């Protein structure tokens, strides 16, 4: 005998799962502190300077 499933509850559970996945992606994308953002910007600037100093002039 099959298990009885409430479709309304199943749909809501699926929607909660999708919302949690989207929230997790947004936390990874936007959830950095001001100090982390500043550190990343400093690292990027340092890498750009290093790259520019290694360029050849014609």
PDB file of N, CA and C in Angstrom:
ATOM      1  N   UNK A   1       0.837  -1.179   0.000  1.00  0.00           N
ATOM      2  CA  UNK A   1       0.000   0.000   0.000  1.00  0.00           C
ATOM      3  C   UNK A   1       0.884   1.244   0.000  1.00  0.00           C
ATOM      4  N   UNK A   2       0.530   2.205  -0.793  1.00  0.00           N
ATOM      5  CA  UNK A   2       1.324   3.422  -0.944  1.00  0.00           C
ATOM      6  C   UNK A   2       1.087   4.368   0.225  1.00  0.00           C
ATOM      7  N   UNK A   3       2.080   5.210   0.464  1.00  0.00           N
ATOM      8  CA  UNK A   3       1.974   6.200   1.536  1.00  0.00           C
ATOM      9  C   UNK A   3       1.177   7.397   1.027  1.00  0.00           C
ATOM     10  N   UNK A   4       0.308   7.907   1.845  1.00  0.00           N
ATOM     11  CA  UNK A   4      -0.520   9.050   1.474  1.00  0.00           C
ATOM     12  C   UNK A   4       0.304  10.319   1.633  1.00  0.00           C
ATOM     13  N   UNK A   5       0.273  11.166   0.588  1.00  0.00           N
ATOM     14  CA  UNK A   5       1.054  12.394   0.597  1.00  0.00           C
ATOM     15  C   UNK A   5       0.113  13.572   0.401  1.00  0.00           C
ATOM     16  N   UNK A   6       0.250  14.571   1.269  1.00  0.00           N
ATOM     17  CA  UNK A   6      -0.520  15.791   1.136  1.00  0.00           C
ATOM     18  C   UNK A   6       0.205  16.675   0.127  1.00  0.00           C
ATOM     19  N   UNK A   7      -0.399  16.899  -1.043  1.00  0.00           N
ATOM     20  CA  UNK A   7       0.261  17.636  -2.111  1.00  0.00           C
ATOM     21  C   UNK A   7       0.536  19.090  -1.747  1.00  0.00           C
ATOM     22  N   UNK A   8      -0.338  19.698  -0.996  1.00  0.00           N
ATOM     23  CA  UNK A   8      -0.134  21.080  -0.577  1.00  0.00           C
ATOM     24  C   UNK A   8       1.124  21.184   0.271  1.00  0.00           C
ATOM     25  N   UNK A   9       1.287  20.260   1.201  1.00  0.00           N
ATOM     26  CA  UNK A   9       2.465  20.281   2.064  1.00  0.00           C
ATOM     27  C   UNK A   9       3.732  19.950   1.268  1.00  0.00           C
ATOM     28  N   UNK A  10       3.627  19.068   0.299  1.00  0.00           N
ATOM     29  CA  UNK A  10       4.778  18.720  -0.526  1.00  0.00           C
ATOM     30  C   UNK A  10       5.217  19.912  -1.363  1.00  0.00           C
ATOM     31  N   UNK A  11       4.258  20.654  -1.919  1.00  0.00           N
ATOM     32  CA  UNK A  11       4.594  21.842  -2.703  1.00  0.00           C
ATOM     33  C   UNK A  11       5.260  22.897  -1.832  1.00  0.00           C
ATOM     34  N   UNK A  12       4.732  23.097  -0.624  1.00  0.00           N
ATOM     35  CA  UNK A  12       5.323  24.081   0.283  1.00  0.00           C
ATOM     36  C   UNK A  12       6.732  23.663   0.696  1.00  0.00           C
ATOM     37  N   UNK A  13       6.955  22.394   0.917  1.00  0.00           N
ATOM     38  CA  UNK A  13       8.290  21.909   1.282  1.00  0.00           C
ATOM     39  C   UNK A  13       9.264  22.125   0.132  1.00  0.00           C
ATOM     40  N   UNK A  14       8.826  21.886  -1.089  1.00  0.00           N
ATOM     41  CA  UNK A  14       9.685  22.105  -2.250  1.00  0.00           C
ATOM     42  C   UNK A  14      10.015  23.584  -2.395  1.00  0.00           C
ATOM     43  N   UNK A  15       9.027  24.451  -2.167  1.00  0.00           N
ATOM     44  CA  UNK A  15       9.257  25.893  -2.256  1.00  0.00           C
ATOM     45  C   UNK A  15      10.241  26.345  -1.177  1.00  0.00           C
ATOM     46  N   UNK A  16      10.121  25.790   0.033  1.00  0.00           N
ATOM     47  CA  UNK A  16      11.068  26.132   1.104  1.00  0.00           C
ATOM     48  C   UNK A  16      12.474  25.695   0.734  1.00  0.00           C
ATOM     49  N   UNK A  17      12.596  24.545   0.113  1.00  0.00           N
ATOM     50  CA  UNK A  17      13.900  24.056  -0.312  1.00  0.00           C
ATOM     51  C   UNK A  17      14.542  24.962  -1.353  1.00  0.00           C
ATOM     52  N   UNK A  18      13.735  25.416  -2.316  1.00  0.00           N
ATOM     53  CA  UNK A  18      14.244  26.329  -3.344  1.00  0.00           C
ATOM     54  C   UNK A  18      14.653  27.661  -2.723  1.00  0.00           C
ATOM     55  N   UNK A  19      13.838  28.159  -1.804  1.00  0.00           N
ATOM     56  CA  UNK A  19      14.146  29.435  -1.161  1.00  0.00           C
ATOM     57  C   UNK A  19      15.425  29.327  -0.348  1.00  0.00           C
ATOM     58  N   UNK A  20      15.634  28.225   0.330  1.00  0.00           N
ATOM     59  CA  UNK A  20      16.847  28.029   1.121  1.00  0.00           C
ATOM     60  C   UNK A  20      18.076  27.948   0.217  1.00  0.00           C
ATOM     61  N   UNK A  21      17.951  27.308  -0.936  1.00  0.00           N
ATOM     62  CA  UNK A  21      19.065  27.225  -1.872  1.00  0.00           C
ATOM     63  C   UNK A  21      19.423  28.617  -2.395  1.00  0.00           C
ATOM     64  N   UNK A  22      18.417  29.409  -2.729  1.00  0.00           N
ATOM     65  CA  UNK A  22      18.661  30.769  -3.215  1.00  0.00           C
ATOM     66  C   UNK A  22      19.290  31.622  -2.119  1.00  0.00           C
ATOM     67  N   UNK A  23      18.821  31.461  -0.889  1.00  0.00           N
ATOM     68  CA  UNK A  23      19.378  32.222   0.230  1.00  0.00           C
ATOM     69  C   UNK A  23      20.836  31.843   0.463  1.00  0.00           C
ATOM     70  N   UNK A  24      21.137  30.574   0.324  1.00  0.00           N
ATOM     71  CA  UNK A  24      22.515  30.117   0.507  1.00  0.00           C
ATOM     72  C   UNK A  24      23.431  30.736  -0.550  1.00  0.00           C
ATOM     73  N   UNK A  25      22.975  30.789  -1.787  1.00  0.00           N
ATOM     74  CA  UNK A  25      23.771  31.405  -2.852  1.00  0.00           C
ATOM     75  C   UNK A  25      23.973  32.893  -2.581  1.00  0.00           C
ATOM     76  N   UNK A  26      22.927  33.566  -2.120  1.00  0.00           N
ATOM     77  CA  UNK A  26      23.047  34.996  -1.834  1.00  0.00           C
ATOM     78  C   UNK A  26      23.978  35.247  -0.657  1.00  0.00           C
ATOM     79  N   UNK A  27      23.958  34.376   0.349  1.00  0.00           N
ATOM     80  CA  UNK A  27      24.875  34.543   1.476  1.00  0.00           C
ATOM     81  C   UNK A  27      26.313  34.417   1.013  1.00  0.00           C
ATOM     82  N   UNK A  28      26.576  33.486   0.115  1.00  0.00           N
ATOM     83  CA  UNK A  28      27.935  33.310  -0.393  1.00  0.00           C
ATOM     84  C   UNK A  28      28.333  34.494  -1.270  1.00  0.00           C
ATOM     85  N   UNK A  29      27.382  35.058  -1.983  1.00  0.00           N
ATOM     86  CA  UNK A  29      27.676  36.135  -2.927  1.00  0.00           C
ATOM     87  C   UNK A  29      27.805  37.491  -2.238  1.00  0.00           C
ATOM     88  N   UNK A  30      26.919  37.797  -1.312  1.00  0.00           N
ATOM     89  CA  UNK A  30      26.850  39.129  -0.716  1.00  0.00           C
ATOM     90  C   UNK A  30      27.216  39.171   0.760  1.00  0.00           C
ATOM     91  N   UNK A  31      27.387  38.048   1.399  1.00  0.00           N
ATOM     92  CA  UNK A  31      27.528  38.020   2.850  1.00  0.00           C
ATOM     93  C   UNK A  31      28.949  38.182   3.341  1.00  0.00           C
ATOM     94  N   UNK A  32      29.654  39.216   2.891  1.00  0.00           N
ATOM     95  CA  UNK A  32      31.010  39.456   3.371  1.00  0.00           C
ATOM     96  C   UNK A  32      31.032  40.722   4.209  1.00  0.00           C
ATOM     97  N   UNK A  33      31.902  40.735   5.214  1.00  0.00           N
ATOM     98  CA  UNK A  33      31.999  41.913   6.070  1.00  0.00           C
ATOM     99  C   UNK A  33      32.770  43.008   5.343  1.00  0.00           C
ATOM    100  N   UNK A  34      32.729  44.200   5.905  1.00  0.00           N
ATOM    101  CA  UNK A  34      33.414  45.330   5.305  1.00  0.00           C
ATOM    102  C   UNK A  34      34.926  45.085   5.258  1.00  0.00           C
ATOM    103  N   UNK A  35      35.464  44.469   6.298  1.00  0.00           N
ATOM    104  CA  UNK A  35      36.900  44.180   6.341  1.00  0.00           C
ATOM    105  C   UNK A  35      37.290  43.161   5.277  1.00  0.00           C
ATOM    106  N   UNK A  36      36.454  42.155   5.062  1.00  0.00           N
ATOM    107  CA  UNK A  36      36.739  41.161   4.021  1.00  0.00           C
ATOM    108  C   UNK A  36      36.714  41.793   2.635  1.00  0.00           C
ATOM    109  N   UNK A  37      35.743  42.679   2.406  1.00  0.00           N
ATOM    110  CA  UNK A  37      35.662  43.367   1.114  1.00  0.00           C
ATOM    111  C   UNK A  37      36.890  44.250   0.903  1.00  0.00           C
ATOM    112  N   UNK A  38      37.321  44.968   1.947  1.00  0.00           N
ATOM    113  CA  UNK A  38      38.492  45.835   1.835  1.00  0.00           C
ATOM    114  C   UNK A  38      39.748  45.004   1.581  1.00  0.00           C
ATOM    115  N   UNK A  39      39.876  43.878   2.247  1.00  0.00           N
ATOM    116  CA  UNK A  39      41.025  43.000   2.042  1.00  0.00           C
ATOM    117  C   UNK A  39      41.069  42.450   0.630  1.00  0.00           C
ATOM    118  N   UNK A  40      39.919  42.073   0.096  1.00  0.00           N
ATOM    119  CA  UNK A  40      39.855  41.566  -1.269  1.00  0.00           C
ATOM    120  C   UNK A  40      40.207  42.667  -2.266  1.00  0.00           C
ATOM    121  N   UNK A  41      39.743  43.891  -2.017  1.00  0.00           N
ATOM    122  CA  UNK A  41      40.061  45.012  -2.897  1.00  0.00           C
ATOM    123  C   UNK A  41      41.565  45.298  -2.871  1.00  0.00           C
ATOM    124  N   UNK A  42      42.165  45.214  -1.700  1.00  0.00           N
ATOM    125  CA  UNK A  42      43.607  45.426  -1.568  1.00  0.00           C
ATOM    126  C   UNK A  42      44.379  44.350  -2.328  1.00  0.00           C
ATOM    127  N   UNK A  43      43.952  43.114  -2.199  1.00  0.00           N
ATOM    128  CA  UNK A  43      44.602  42.018  -2.930  1.00  0.00           C
ATOM    129  C   UNK A  43      44.474  42.206  -4.437  1.00  0.00           C
ATOM    130  N   UNK A  44      43.299  42.624  -4.894  1.00  0.00           N
ATOM    131  CA  UNK A  44      43.095  42.853  -6.326  1.00  0.00           C
ATOM    132  C   UNK A  44      43.982  43.988  -6.831  1.00  0.00           C
ATOM    133  N   UNK A  45      44.079  45.068  -6.062  1.00  0.00           N
ATOM    134  CA  UNK A  45      44.916  46.193  -6.465  1.00  0.00           C
ATOM    135  C   UNK A  45      46.383  45.764  -6.520  1.00  0.00           C
ATOM    136  N   UNK A  46      46.811  44.975  -5.549  1.00  0.00           N
ATOM    137  CA  UNK A  46      48.187  44.491  -5.525  1.00  0.00           C
ATOM    138  C   UNK A  46      48.475  43.614  -6.747  1.00  0.00           C
ATOM    139  N   UNK A  47      47.531  42.754  -7.093  1.00  0.00           N
ATOM    140  CA  UNK A  47      47.704  41.877  -8.255  1.00  0.00           C
ATOM    141  C   UNK A  47      47.753  42.696  -9.545  1.00  0.00           C
ATOM    142  N   UNK A  48      46.928  43.734  -9.652  1.00  0.00           N
ATOM    143  CA  UNK A  48      46.936  44.583 -10.850  1.00  0.00           C
ATOM    144  C   UNK A  48      48.261  45.327 -10.983  1.00  0.00           C
ATOM    145  N   UNK A  49      48.788  45.842  -9.865  1.00  0.00           N
ATOM    146  CA  UNK A  49      50.069  46.538  -9.919  1.00  0.00           C
ATOM    147  C   UNK A  49      51.184  45.587 -10.345  1.00  0.00           C
ATOM    148  N   UNK A  50      51.151  44.379  -9.815  1.00  0.00           N
ATOM    149  CA  UNK A  50      52.173  43.394 -10.168  1.00  0.00           C
ATOM    150  C   UNK A  50      52.090  43.058 -11.661  1.00  0.00           C
ATOM    151  N   UNK A  51      50.881  42.910 -12.179  1.00  0.00           N
ATOM    152  CA  UNK A  51      50.692  42.614 -13.591  1.00  0.00           C
ATOM    153  C   UNK A  51      51.146  43.782 -14.469  1.00  0.00           C
ATOM    154  N   UNK A  52      50.791  45.004 -14.061  1.00  0.00           N
ATOM    155  CA  UNK A  52      51.183  46.177 -14.844  1.00  0.00           C
ATOM    156  C   UNK A  52      52.695  46.363 -14.848  1.00  0.00           C
ATOM    157  N   UNK A  53      53.353  46.043 -13.758  1.00  0.00           N
ATOM    158  CA  UNK A  53      54.803  46.222 -13.703  1.00  0.00           C
ATOM    159  C   UNK A  53      55.529  45.181 -14.555  1.00  0.00           C
ATOM    160  N   UNK A  54      54.869  44.087 -14.874  1.00  0.00           N
ATOM    161  CA  UNK A  54      55.488  43.032 -15.665  1.00  0.00           C
ATOM    162  C   UNK A  54      55.231  43.208 -17.164  1.00  0.00           C
ATOM    163  N   UNK A  55      54.462  44.213 -17.548  1.00  0.00           N
ATOM    164  CA  UNK A  55      54.167  44.427 -18.971  1.00  0.00           C
ATOM    165  C   UNK A  55      55.393  44.935 -19.692  1.00  0.00           C
ATOM    166  N   UNK A  56      55.517  44.519 -20.922  1.00  0.00           N
ATOM    167  CA  UNK A  56      56.614  44.979 -21.773  1.00  0.00           C
ATOM    168  C   UNK A  56      56.202  46.234 -22.516  1.00  0.00           C
ATOM    169  N   UNK A  57      57.153  47.110 -22.701  1.00  0.00           N
ATOM    170  CA  UNK A  57      56.912  48.319 -23.483  1.00  0.00           C
ATOM    171  C   UNK A  57      57.512  48.105 -24.881  1.00  0.00           C
ATOM    172  N   UNK A  58      56.844  48.537 -25.901  1.00  0.00           N
ATOM    173  CA  UNK A  58      57.371  48.410 -27.270  1.00  0.00           C
ATOM    174  C   UNK A  58      58.288  49.536 -27.611  1.00  0.00           C
TER     175      UNK A  58
END
